[in-house]
PDB file of N, CA and C in Angstrom:
ATOM      1  N   MET A   1     -50.726  43.066 -75.141  1.00  0.00           N
ATOM      2  CA  MET A   1     -51.068  44.337 -75.732  1.00  0.00           C
ATOM      3  C   MET A   1     -51.740  44.102 -77.067  1.00  0.00           C
ATOM      4  N   GLY A   2     -52.975  44.531 -77.195  1.00  0.00           N
ATOM      5  CA  GLY A   2     -53.686  44.381 -78.446  1.00  0.00           C
ATOM      6  C   GLY A   2     -54.337  43.028 -78.636  1.00  0.00           C
ATOM      7  N   GLY A   3     -54.258  42.130 -77.644  1.00  0.00           N
ATOM      8  CA  GLY A   3     -54.854  40.806 -77.772  1.00  0.00           C
ATOM      9  C   GLY A   3     -56.337  40.801 -77.440  1.00  0.00           C
ATOM     10  N   GLU A   4     -56.891  39.596 -77.307  1.00  0.00           N
ATOM     11  CA  GLU A   4     -58.314  39.456 -77.029  1.00  0.00           C
ATOM     12  C   GLU A   4     -58.690  40.012 -75.659  1.00  0.00           C
ATOM     13  N   GLY A   5     -57.815  39.927 -74.690  1.00  0.00           N
ATOM     14  CA  GLY A   5     -58.115  40.408 -73.346  1.00  0.00           C
ATOM     15  C   GLY A   5     -58.272  41.913 -73.260  1.00  0.00           C
ATOM     16  N   LEU A   6     -57.757  42.627 -74.224  1.00  0.00           N
ATOM     17  CA  LEU A   6     -57.837  44.079 -74.213  1.00  0.00           C
ATOM     18  C   LEU A   6     -59.274  44.570 -74.289  1.00  0.00           C
ATOM     19  N   SER A   7     -60.126  43.811 -74.948  1.00  0.00           N
ATOM     20  CA  SER A   7     -61.499  44.272 -75.124  1.00  0.00           C
ATOM     21  C   SER A   7     -62.277  44.339 -73.808  1.00  0.00           C
ATOM     22  N   GLY A   8     -61.854  43.639 -72.787  1.00  0.00           N
ATOM     23  CA  GLY A   8     -62.557  43.689 -71.506  1.00  0.00           C
ATOM     24  C   GLY A   8     -61.713  44.217 -70.372  1.00  0.00           C
ATOM     25  N   SER A   9     -60.628  44.892 -70.686  1.00  0.00           N
ATOM     26  CA  SER A   9     -59.695  45.310 -69.637  1.00  0.00           C
ATOM     27  C   SER A   9     -60.254  46.405 -68.735  1.00  0.00           C
ATOM     28  N   GLY A  10     -61.270  47.119 -69.169  1.00  0.00           N
ATOM     29  CA  GLY A  10     -61.844  48.164 -68.322  1.00  0.00           C
ATOM     30  C   GLY A  10     -62.844  47.646 -67.310  1.00  0.00           C
ATOM     31  N   ILE A  11     -63.304  46.443 -67.464  1.00  0.00           N
ATOM     32  CA  ILE A  11     -64.339  45.904 -66.587  1.00  0.00           C
ATOM     33  C   ILE A  11     -63.866  45.781 -65.131  1.00  0.00           C
ATOM     34  N   PRO A  12     -62.642  45.333 -64.827  1.00  0.00           N
ATOM     35  CA  PRO A  12     -62.236  45.239 -63.424  1.00  0.00           C
ATOM     36  C   PRO A  12     -62.182  46.579 -62.701  1.00  0.00           C
ATOM     37  N   MET A  13     -62.209  47.667 -63.443  1.00  0.00           N
ATOM     38  CA  MET A  13     -62.192  48.983 -62.797  1.00  0.00           C
ATOM     39  C   MET A  13     -63.395  49.164 -61.891  1.00  0.00           C
ATOM     40  N   ALA A  14     -64.519  48.553 -62.221  1.00  0.00           N
ATOM     41  CA  ALA A  14     -65.758  48.762 -61.475  1.00  0.00           C
ATOM     42  C   ALA A  14     -65.921  47.792 -60.310  1.00  0.00           C
ATOM     43  N   THR A  15     -64.971  46.916 -60.066  1.00  0.00           N
ATOM     44  CA  THR A  15     -65.129  45.930 -58.995  1.00  0.00           C
ATOM     45  C   THR A  15     -64.477  46.352 -57.689  1.00  0.00           C
ATOM     46  N   ASP A  16     -63.741  47.451 -57.681  1.00  0.00           N
ATOM     47  CA  ASP A  16     -63.021  47.815 -56.467  1.00  0.00           C
ATOM     48  C   ASP A  16     -63.929  48.272 -55.343  1.00  0.00           C
ATOM     49  N   ILE A  17     -65.161  48.675 -55.633  1.00  0.00           N
ATOM     50  CA  ILE A  17     -66.050  49.104 -54.558  1.00  0.00           C
ATOM     51  C   ILE A  17     -66.398  47.928 -53.653  1.00  0.00           C
ATOM     52  N   ALA A  18     -66.494  46.729 -54.196  1.00  0.00           N
ATOM     53  CA  ALA A  18     -66.771  45.557 -53.371  1.00  0.00           C
ATOM     54  C   ALA A  18     -65.638  45.341 -52.373  1.00  0.00           C
ATOM     55  N   PHE A  19     -64.404  45.475 -52.818  1.00  0.00           N
ATOM     56  CA  PHE A  19     -63.265  45.312 -51.917  1.00  0.00           C
ATOM     57  C   PHE A  19     -63.227  46.425 -50.875  1.00  0.00           C
ATOM     58  N   ALA A  20     -63.552  47.635 -51.294  1.00  0.00           N
ATOM     59  CA  ALA A  20     -63.563  48.754 -50.346  1.00  0.00           C
ATOM     60  C   ALA A  20     -64.619  48.546 -49.274  1.00  0.00           C
ATOM     61  N   LEU A  21     -65.787  48.058 -49.634  1.00  0.00           N
ATOM     62  CA  LEU A  21     -66.838  47.814 -48.654  1.00  0.00           C
ATOM     63  C   LEU A  21     -66.465  46.693 -47.693  1.00  0.00           C
ATOM     64  N   VAL A  22     -65.792  45.667 -48.198  1.00  0.00           N
ATOM     65  CA  VAL A  22     -65.333  44.583 -47.320  1.00  0.00           C
ATOM     66  C   VAL A  22     -64.311  45.111 -46.324  1.00  0.00           C
ATOM     67  N   LEU A  23     -63.365  45.900 -46.793  1.00  0.00           N
ATOM     68  CA  LEU A  23     -62.362  46.471 -45.889  1.00  0.00           C
ATOM     69  C   LEU A  23     -62.994  47.395 -44.856  1.00  0.00           C
ATOM     70  N   LEU A  24     -63.956  48.195 -45.285  1.00  0.00           N
ATOM     71  CA  LEU A  24     -64.638  49.075 -44.334  1.00  0.00           C
ATOM     72  C   LEU A  24     -65.419  48.267 -43.305  1.00  0.00           C
ATOM     73  N   ALA A  25     -66.002  47.149 -43.722  1.00  0.00           N
ATOM     74  CA  ALA A  25     -66.738  46.303 -42.789  1.00  0.00           C
ATOM     75  C   ALA A  25     -65.795  45.650 -41.784  1.00  0.00           C
ATOM     76  N   LEU A  26     -64.594  45.289 -42.232  1.00  0.00           N
ATOM     77  CA  LEU A  26     -63.643  44.617 -41.342  1.00  0.00           C
ATOM     78  C   LEU A  26     -62.984  45.565 -40.346  1.00  0.00           C
ATOM     79  N   VAL A  27     -62.559  46.728 -40.818  1.00  0.00           N
ATOM     80  CA  VAL A  27     -61.830  47.652 -39.947  1.00  0.00           C
ATOM     81  C   VAL A  27     -62.571  48.954 -39.710  1.00  0.00           C
ATOM     82  N   GLY A  28     -63.798  49.029 -40.208  1.00  0.00           N
ATOM     83  CA  GLY A  28     -64.549  50.271 -40.132  1.00  0.00           C
ATOM     84  C   GLY A  28     -64.827  50.750 -38.726  1.00  0.00           C
ATOM     85  N   SER A  29     -65.031  49.834 -37.790  1.00  0.00           N
ATOM     86  CA  SER A  29     -65.359  50.265 -36.429  1.00  0.00           C
ATOM     87  C   SER A  29     -64.166  50.931 -35.750  1.00  0.00           C
ATOM     88  N   GLY A  30     -62.973  50.648 -36.219  1.00  0.00           N
ATOM     89  CA  GLY A  30     -61.779  51.259 -35.630  1.00  0.00           C
ATOM     90  C   GLY A  30     -61.403  52.587 -36.256  1.00  0.00           C
ATOM     91  N   LEU A  31     -62.071  52.945 -37.343  1.00  0.00           N
ATOM     92  CA  LEU A  31     -61.766  54.198 -38.033  1.00  0.00           C
ATOM     93  C   LEU A  31     -62.700  55.309 -37.564  1.00  0.00           C
ATOM     94  N   PRO A  32     -62.234  56.539 -37.606  1.00  0.00           N
ATOM     95  CA  PRO A  32     -63.140  57.659 -37.316  1.00  0.00           C
ATOM     96  C   PRO A  32     -64.265  57.707 -38.354  1.00  0.00           C
ATOM     97  N   LYS A  33     -65.440  58.148 -37.923  1.00  0.00           N
ATOM     98  CA  LYS A  33     -66.616  58.170 -38.797  1.00  0.00           C
ATOM     99  C   LYS A  33     -66.374  59.004 -40.056  1.00  0.00           C
ATOM    100  N   ARG A  34     -65.726  60.136 -39.916  1.00  0.00           N
ATOM    101  CA  ARG A  34     -65.478  60.981 -41.095  1.00  0.00           C
ATOM    102  C   ARG A  34     -64.585  60.283 -42.113  1.00  0.00           C
ATOM    103  N   LEU A  35     -63.592  59.539 -41.642  1.00  0.00           N
ATOM    104  CA  LEU A  35     -62.704  58.812 -42.553  1.00  0.00           C
ATOM    105  C   LEU A  35     -63.467  57.689 -43.253  1.00  0.00           C
ATOM    106  N   ARG A  36     -64.317  56.972 -42.511  1.00  0.00           N
ATOM    107  CA  ARG A  36     -65.140  55.919 -43.123  1.00  0.00           C
ATOM    108  C   ARG A  36     -66.045  56.513 -44.192  1.00  0.00           C
ATOM    109  N   ASP A  37     -66.680  57.638 -43.881  1.00  0.00           N
ATOM    110  CA  ASP A  37     -67.571  58.278 -44.851  1.00  0.00           C
ATOM    111  C   ASP A  37     -66.811  58.732 -46.082  1.00  0.00           C
ATOM    112  N   PHE A  38     -65.621  59.296 -45.875  1.00  0.00           N
ATOM    113  CA  PHE A  38     -64.808  59.740 -47.006  1.00  0.00           C
ATOM    114  C   PHE A  38     -64.396  58.563 -47.883  1.00  0.00           C
ATOM    115  N   LEU A  39     -63.947  57.474 -47.276  1.00  0.00           N
ATOM    116  CA  LEU A  39     -63.517  56.314 -48.051  1.00  0.00           C
ATOM    117  C   LEU A  39     -64.674  55.703 -48.824  1.00  0.00           C
ATOM    118  N   LEU A  40     -65.854  55.663 -48.208  1.00  0.00           N
ATOM    119  CA  LEU A  40     -67.013  55.136 -48.904  1.00  0.00           C
ATOM    120  C   LEU A  40     -67.401  56.041 -50.069  1.00  0.00           C
ATOM    121  N   ALA A  41     -67.388  57.350 -49.850  1.00  0.00           N
ATOM    122  CA  ALA A  41     -67.708  58.284 -50.932  1.00  0.00           C
ATOM    123  C   ALA A  41     -66.687  58.191 -52.063  1.00  0.00           C
ATOM    124  N   LEU A  42     -65.423  58.058 -51.706  1.00  0.00           N
ATOM    125  CA  LEU A  42     -64.375  57.926 -52.718  1.00  0.00           C
ATOM    126  C   LEU A  42     -64.571  56.654 -53.539  1.00  0.00           C
ATOM    127  N   ALA A  43     -64.916  55.568 -52.886  1.00  0.00           N
ATOM    128  CA  ALA A  43     -65.150  54.315 -53.605  1.00  0.00           C
ATOM    129  C   ALA A  43     -66.337  54.434 -54.548  1.00  0.00           C
ATOM    130  N   ILE A  44     -67.379  55.132 -54.112  1.00  0.00           N
ATOM    131  CA  ILE A  44     -68.566  55.284 -54.956  1.00  0.00           C
ATOM    132  C   ILE A  44     -68.267  56.165 -56.162  1.00  0.00           C
ATOM    133  N   VAL A  45     -67.560  57.270 -55.938  1.00  0.00           N
ATOM    134  CA  VAL A  45     -67.207  58.162 -57.053  1.00  0.00           C
ATOM    135  C   VAL A  45     -66.285  57.457 -58.031  1.00  0.00           C
ATOM    136  N   ASP A  46     -65.334  56.686 -57.511  1.00  0.00           N
ATOM    137  CA  ASP A  46     -64.430  55.923 -58.363  1.00  0.00           C
ATOM    138  C   ASP A  46     -65.207  54.900 -59.191  1.00  0.00           C
ATOM    139  N   ASP A  47     -66.178  54.269 -58.564  1.00  0.00           N
ATOM    140  CA  ASP A  47     -66.990  53.285 -59.266  1.00  0.00           C
ATOM    141  C   ASP A  47     -67.828  53.949 -60.354  1.00  0.00           C
ATOM    142  N   ALA A  48     -68.372  55.122 -60.068  1.00  0.00           N
ATOM    143  CA  ALA A  48     -69.150  55.845 -61.076  1.00  0.00           C
ATOM    144  C   ALA A  48     -68.262  56.226 -62.262  1.00  0.00           C
ATOM    145  N   GLY A  49     -67.043  56.642 -61.988  1.00  0.00           N
ATOM    146  CA  GLY A  49     -66.103  56.961 -63.062  1.00  0.00           C
ATOM    147  C   GLY A  49     -65.762  55.746 -63.905  1.00  0.00           C
ATOM    148  N   ALA A  50     -65.582  54.612 -63.252  1.00  0.00           N
ATOM    149  CA  ALA A  50     -65.295  53.379 -63.987  1.00  0.00           C
ATOM    150  C   ALA A  50     -66.469  52.988 -64.868  1.00  0.00           C
ATOM    151  N   ASN A  51     -67.674  53.165 -64.347  1.00  0.00           N
ATOM    152  CA  ASN A  51     -68.851  52.859 -65.164  1.00  0.00           C
ATOM    153  C   ASN A  51     -68.945  53.779 -66.368  1.00  0.00           C
ATOM    154  N   LEU A  52     -68.569  55.026 -66.202  1.00  0.00           N
ATOM    155  CA  LEU A  52     -68.548  55.946 -67.350  1.00  0.00           C
ATOM    156  C   LEU A  52     -67.537  55.503 -68.396  1.00  0.00           C
ATOM    157  N   VAL A  53     -66.349  55.085 -67.950  1.00  0.00           N
ATOM    158  CA  VAL A  53     -65.332  54.596 -68.892  1.00  0.00           C
ATOM    159  C   VAL A  53     -65.866  53.401 -69.668  1.00  0.00           C
ATOM    160  N   ILE A  54     -66.500  52.474 -68.945  1.00  0.00           N
ATOM    161  CA  ILE A  54     -67.054  51.294 -69.615  1.00  0.00           C
ATOM    162  C   ILE A  54     -68.143  51.700 -70.593  1.00  0.00           C
ATOM    163  N   ALA A  55     -69.023  52.610 -70.178  1.00  0.00           N
ATOM    164  CA  ALA A  55     -70.130  53.024 -71.048  1.00  0.00           C
ATOM    165  C   ALA A  55     -69.633  53.732 -72.305  1.00  0.00           C
ATOM    166  N   ILE A  56     -68.607  54.554 -72.156  1.00  0.00           N
ATOM    167  CA  ILE A  56     -68.146  55.337 -73.306  1.00  0.00           C
ATOM    168  C   ILE A  56     -67.276  54.515 -74.244  1.00  0.00           C
ATOM    169  N   PHE A  57     -66.341  53.747 -73.698  1.00  0.00           N
ATOM    170  CA  PHE A  57     -65.358  53.073 -74.546  1.00  0.00           C
ATOM    171  C   PHE A  57     -65.753  51.664 -74.971  1.00  0.00           C
ATOM    172  N   TYR A  58     -66.758  51.070 -74.316  1.00  0.00           N
ATOM    173  CA  TYR A  58     -67.126  49.691 -74.643  1.00  0.00           C
ATOM    174  C   TYR A  58     -68.534  49.582 -75.209  1.00  0.00           C
ATOM    175  N   SER A  59     -69.079  50.657 -75.710  1.00  0.00           N
ATOM    176  CA  SER A  59     -70.393  50.580 -76.345  1.00  0.00           C
ATOM    177  C   SER A  59     -70.317  51.205 -77.735  1.00  0.00           C
ATOM    178  N   ASP A  60     -71.269  50.843 -78.542  1.00  0.00           N
ATOM    179  CA  ASP A  60     -71.293  51.382 -79.903  1.00  0.00           C
ATOM    180  C   ASP A  60     -71.761  52.823 -79.934  1.00  0.00           C
ATOM    181  N   SER A  61     -72.678  53.166 -79.035  1.00  0.00           N
ATOM    182  CA  SER A  61     -73.170  54.542 -78.983  1.00  0.00           C
ATOM    183  C   SER A  61     -73.449  54.916 -77.532  1.00  0.00           C
ATOM    184  N   VAL A  62     -73.404  56.197 -77.264  1.00  0.00           N
ATOM    185  CA  VAL A  62     -73.625  56.696 -75.921  1.00  0.00           C
ATOM    186  C   VAL A  62     -74.879  57.553 -75.933  1.00  0.00           C
ATOM    187  N   SER A  63     -75.753  57.325 -74.980  1.00  0.00           N
ATOM    188  CA  SER A  63     -76.958  58.140 -74.844  1.00  0.00           C
ATOM    189  C   SER A  63     -76.617  59.334 -73.957  1.00  0.00           C
ATOM    190  N   TRP A  64     -76.285  60.437 -74.600  1.00  0.00           N
ATOM    191  CA  TRP A  64     -75.865  61.619 -73.844  1.00  0.00           C
ATOM    192  C   TRP A  64     -76.998  62.180 -72.999  1.00  0.00           C
ATOM    193  N   ILE A  65     -78.235  62.034 -73.458  1.00  0.00           N
ATOM    194  CA  ILE A  65     -79.375  62.513 -72.670  1.00  0.00           C
ATOM    195  C   ILE A  65     -79.471  61.728 -71.362  1.00  0.00           C
ATOM    196  N   ALA A  66     -79.333  60.410 -71.440  1.00  0.00           N
ATOM    197  CA  ALA A  66     -79.367  59.584 -70.231  1.00  0.00           C
ATOM    198  C   ALA A  66     -78.190  59.920 -69.317  1.00  0.00           C
ATOM    199  N   ASP A  67     -77.026  60.144 -69.898  1.00  0.00           N
ATOM    200  CA  ASP A  67     -75.855  60.509 -69.093  1.00  0.00           C
ATOM    201  C   ASP A  67     -76.051  61.847 -68.394  1.00  0.00           C
ATOM    202  N   LEU A  68     -76.593  62.810 -69.105  1.00  0.00           N
ATOM    203  CA  LEU A  68     -76.852  64.122 -68.504  1.00  0.00           C
ATOM    204  C   LEU A  68     -77.922  64.032 -67.420  1.00  0.00           C
ATOM    205  N   LEU A  69     -78.940  63.238 -67.660  1.00  0.00           N
ATOM    206  CA  LEU A  69     -79.990  63.060 -66.662  1.00  0.00           C
ATOM    207  C   LEU A  69     -79.439  62.391 -65.404  1.00  0.00           C
ATOM    208  N   ALA A  70     -78.633  61.361 -65.575  1.00  0.00           N
ATOM    209  CA  ALA A  70     -78.023  60.687 -64.425  1.00  0.00           C
ATOM    210  C   ALA A  70     -77.087  61.631 -63.681  1.00  0.00           C
ATOM    211  N   SER A  71     -76.327  62.432 -64.411  1.00  0.00           N
ATOM    212  CA  SER A  71     -75.433  63.403 -63.776  1.00  0.00           C
ATOM    213  C   SER A  71     -76.218  64.453 -63.005  1.00  0.00           C
ATOM    214  N   ALA A  72     -77.358  64.864 -63.552  1.00  0.00           N
ATOM    215  CA  ALA A  72     -78.197  65.852 -62.861  1.00  0.00           C
ATOM    216  C   ALA A  72     -78.743  65.279 -61.553  1.00  0.00           C
ATOM    217  N   PHE A  73     -79.182  64.027 -61.585  1.00  0.00           N
ATOM    218  CA  PHE A  73     -79.672  63.403 -60.354  1.00  0.00           C
ATOM    219  C   PHE A  73     -78.547  63.213 -59.337  1.00  0.00           C
ATOM    220  N   ALA A  74     -77.366  62.862 -59.805  1.00  0.00           N
ATOM    221  CA  ALA A  74     -76.230  62.716 -58.899  1.00  0.00           C
ATOM    222  C   ALA A  74     -75.860  64.058 -58.273  1.00  0.00           C
ATOM    223  N   ALA A  75     -75.866  65.111 -59.074  1.00  0.00           N
ATOM    224  CA  ALA A  75     -75.568  66.445 -58.557  1.00  0.00           C
ATOM    225  C   ALA A  75     -76.633  66.888 -57.558  1.00  0.00           C
ATOM    226  N   LEU A  76     -77.895  66.592 -57.844  1.00  0.00           N
ATOM    227  CA  LEU A  76     -78.973  66.931 -56.917  1.00  0.00           C
ATOM    228  C   LEU A  76     -78.797  66.187 -55.592  1.00  0.00           C
ATOM    229  N   GLY A  77     -78.463  64.909 -55.673  1.00  0.00           N
ATOM    230  CA  GLY A  77     -78.227  64.129 -54.454  1.00  0.00           C
ATOM    231  C   GLY A  77     -77.065  64.675 -53.652  1.00  0.00           C
ATOM    232  N   ALA A  78     -75.990  65.039 -54.327  1.00  0.00           N
ATOM    233  CA  ALA A  78     -74.831  65.602 -53.628  1.00  0.00           C
ATOM    234  C   ALA A  78     -75.175  66.941 -52.991  1.00  0.00           C
ATOM    235  N   TRP A  79     -75.927  67.766 -53.719  1.00  0.00           N
ATOM    236  CA  TRP A  79     -76.320  69.069 -53.175  1.00  0.00           C
ATOM    237  C   TRP A  79     -77.204  68.898 -51.947  1.00  0.00           C
ATOM    238  N   LEU A  80     -78.170  67.968 -52.003  1.00  0.00           N
ATOM    239  CA  LEU A  80     -79.039  67.732 -50.847  1.00  0.00           C
ATOM    240  C   LEU A  80     -78.244  67.210 -49.656  1.00  0.00           C
ATOM    241  N   ARG A  81     -77.272  66.354 -49.917  1.00  0.00           N
ATOM    242  CA  ARG A  81     -76.443  65.806 -48.833  1.00  0.00           C
ATOM    243  C   ARG A  81     -75.597  66.909 -48.203  1.00  0.00           C
ATOM    244  N   ILE A  82     -74.987  67.723 -49.020  1.00  0.00           N
ATOM    245  CA  ILE A  82     -74.161  68.822 -48.499  1.00  0.00           C
ATOM    246  C   ILE A  82     -75.033  69.795 -47.720  1.00  0.00           C
ATOM    247  N   ARG A  83     -76.218  70.070 -48.243  1.00  0.00           N
ATOM    248  CA  ARG A  83     -77.140  70.982 -47.568  1.00  0.00           C
ATOM    249  C   ARG A  83     -77.539  70.435 -46.198  1.00  0.00           C
ATOM    250  N   SER A  84     -77.800  69.128 -46.120  1.00  0.00           N
ATOM    251  CA  SER A  84     -78.181  68.544 -44.833  1.00  0.00           C
ATOM    252  C   SER A  84     -77.003  68.542 -43.859  1.00  0.00           C
ATOM    253  N   LEU A  85     -75.783  68.363 -44.365  1.00  0.00           N
ATOM    254  CA  LEU A  85     -74.608  68.412 -43.494  1.00  0.00           C
ATOM    255  C   LEU A  85     -74.402  69.814 -42.941  1.00  0.00           C
ATOM    256  N   VAL A  86     -74.581  70.813 -43.792  1.00  0.00           N
ATOM    257  CA  VAL A  86     -74.432  72.206 -43.337  1.00  0.00           C
ATOM    258  C   VAL A  86     -75.490  72.527 -42.293  1.00  0.00           C
ATOM    259  N   THR A  87     -76.708  72.038 -42.489  1.00  0.00           N
ATOM    260  CA  THR A  87     -77.774  72.273 -41.522  1.00  0.00           C
ATOM    261  C   THR A  87     -77.449  71.620 -40.188  1.00  0.00           C
ATOM    262  N   CYS A  88     -76.881  70.410 -40.231  1.00  0.00           N
ATOM    263  CA  CYS A  88     -76.511  69.710 -38.994  1.00  0.00           C
ATOM    264  C   CYS A  88     -75.404  70.450 -38.249  1.00  0.00           C
ATOM    265  N   VAL A  89     -74.465  70.997 -38.988  1.00  0.00           N
ATOM    266  CA  VAL A  89     -73.338  71.710 -38.371  1.00  0.00           C
ATOM    267  C   VAL A  89     -73.827  72.981 -37.701  1.00  0.00           C
ATOM    268  N   ARG A  90     -74.769  73.660 -38.313  1.00  0.00           N
ATOM    269  CA  ARG A  90     -75.278  74.920 -37.769  1.00  0.00           C
ATOM    270  C   ARG A  90     -76.084  74.732 -36.493  1.00  0.00           C
ATOM    271  N   THR A  91     -76.723  73.560 -36.333  1.00  0.00           N
ATOM    272  CA  THR A  91     -77.561  73.357 -35.138  1.00  0.00           C
ATOM    273  C   THR A  91     -76.793  72.775 -33.998  1.00  0.00           C
TER     274      THR A  91
END
């Protein structure tokens, strides 16, 4: 607590997506497609959150404009994905 290792303790937060992808590759064919998609989306969102923690707490300054721009693109991507899913369900 409070030692030299504390300064990099947030970095392993962003490595769990690699493990999630390996697990999905190993057992993914046995899982229902919706569950695989959910687990992959959860891993990606978790990874994005970890990157935000690293960016905010381990840097001297935060570029809020870049963060807002990235969030806007992420929201646009999510909206387009949801829109395409709704279109697929309707047809």
